[in-house]
Amino acid sequence: MNIKIEFKIHSRCPVDDALDIYDVTVRSNEIIKIEEIKSLVTNWTQNLDYKTFQEKLTEHLYIMLSETRQSVSVETVGYHSGIKLTVKV
């Protein structure tokens, strides 16, 4: 099985306090319930004052999704000061 899930998530930049919106792609060979993704996004975004770097966000999503499955990759794409940053775990 080759599963690809795409969604958006946001966080605040710890440097300039800007609201950053990231495109997230999760890939897996195992089933990931959409409700699990929705829960992760809700838990992350319920505090709009939470500040973190894109790299930490990507790592957090990977850790949460890989706890119960073997094959997961997480990629985030965002723009910071007009510069595109892609992070993959």
Protein backbone atom coordinates (compact mmCIF):
# COMPACT_ATOMS: atom_id res chain seq x y z
CA MET A 1 0.00 0.00 0.00
CA ASN A 2 1.19 3.50 -0.79
CA ILE A 3 -0.69 6.14 1.20
CA LYS A 4 -0.26 9.90 0.84
CA ILE A 5 -2.05 12.38 3.11
CA GLU A 6 -1.83 16.14 2.58
CA PHE A 7 -3.00 18.93 4.88
CA LYS A 8 -2.09 22.37 6.21
CA ILE A 9 -0.96 23.30 9.70
CA HIS A 10 0.15 26.58 11.23
CA SER A 11 2.44 27.87 13.93
CA ARG A 12 4.03 31.14 14.96
CA CYS A 13 7.62 31.95 14.08
CA PRO A 14 9.79 32.23 17.20
CA VAL A 15 11.92 34.92 15.53
CA ASP A 16 9.39 37.47 14.23
CA ASP A 17 6.07 36.14 15.61
CA ALA A 18 4.63 35.77 12.09
CA LEU A 19 1.89 33.21 11.52
CA ASP A 20 3.38 30.52 9.29
CA ILE A 21 1.21 28.09 7.32
CA TYR A 22 2.82 24.84 6.25
CA ASP A 23 1.85 22.31 3.61
CA VAL A 24 2.32 18.87 5.13
CA THR A 25 2.67 15.57 3.28
CA VAL A 26 2.58 12.30 5.20
CA ARG A 27 3.47 9.06 3.44
CA SER A 28 3.04 5.57 4.81
CA ASN A 29 2.62 1.95 3.80
CA GLU A 30 0.21 1.52 6.70
CA ILE A 31 -3.26 2.91 7.37
CA ILE A 32 -3.40 6.27 9.14
CA LYS A 33 -6.86 7.25 10.25
CA ILE A 34 -7.88 10.73 9.17
CA GLU A 35 -9.24 11.25 12.69
CA GLU A 36 -5.68 10.77 14.01
CA ILE A 37 -4.41 13.48 11.64
CA LYS A 38 -7.27 15.81 12.62
CA SER A 39 -6.48 15.27 16.29
CA LEU A 40 -2.78 16.06 15.78
CA VAL A 41 -3.63 19.26 13.88
CA THR A 42 -6.22 20.33 16.46
CA ASN A 43 -3.89 19.69 19.38
CA TRP A 44 -1.07 21.60 17.68
CA THR A 45 -3.10 24.60 16.51
CA GLN A 46 -5.40 25.20 19.45
CA ASN A 47 -2.79 27.56 20.88
CA LEU A 48 -2.03 30.18 18.21
CA ASP A 49 0.64 31.70 20.44
CA TYR A 50 2.74 28.53 20.27
CA LYS A 51 6.05 29.37 18.62
CA THR A 52 8.33 26.83 17.01
CA PHE A 53 10.63 26.31 14.07
CA GLN A 54 9.44 24.34 11.06
CA GLU A 55 12.08 21.69 11.70
CA LYS A 56 10.72 21.03 15.21
CA LEU A 57 7.15 20.89 13.96
CA THR A 58 8.10 18.34 11.29
CA GLU A 59 9.98 16.24 13.83
CA HIS A 60 7.01 16.39 16.26
CA LEU A 61 4.56 15.18 13.61
CA TYR A 62 6.92 12.37 12.63
CA ILE A 63 7.37 11.21 16.23
CA MET A 64 3.63 11.24 16.90
CA LEU A 65 2.78 9.34 13.71
CA SER A 66 5.60 6.80 13.93
CA GLU A 67 4.78 5.69 17.49
CA THR A 68 2.40 3.01 16.26
CA ARG A 69 3.65 2.28 12.74
CA GLN A 70 6.91 1.40 11.02
CA SER A 71 6.90 3.22 7.69
CA VAL A 72 6.11 6.92 7.92
CA SER A 73 7.67 10.00 6.39
CA VAL A 74 6.64 13.60 7.02
CA GLU A 75 7.47 16.57 4.82
CA THR A 76 6.62 20.21 5.49
CA VAL A 77 6.93 23.10 3.05
CA GLY A 78 6.76 26.70 4.20
CA TYR A 79 7.92 30.19 3.28
CA HIS A 80 9.92 32.38 5.65
CA SER A 81 10.72 35.94 4.57
CA GLY A 82 9.98 34.90 0.98
CA ILE A 83 12.31 31.89 1.11
CA LYS A 84 10.92 28.39 0.62
CA LEU A 85 11.98 25.80 3.18
CA THR A 86 11.30 22.06 2.82
CA VAL A 87 11.91 19.72 5.76
CA LYS A 88 11.58 15.94 5.54
CA VAL A 89 11.82 13.29 8.24
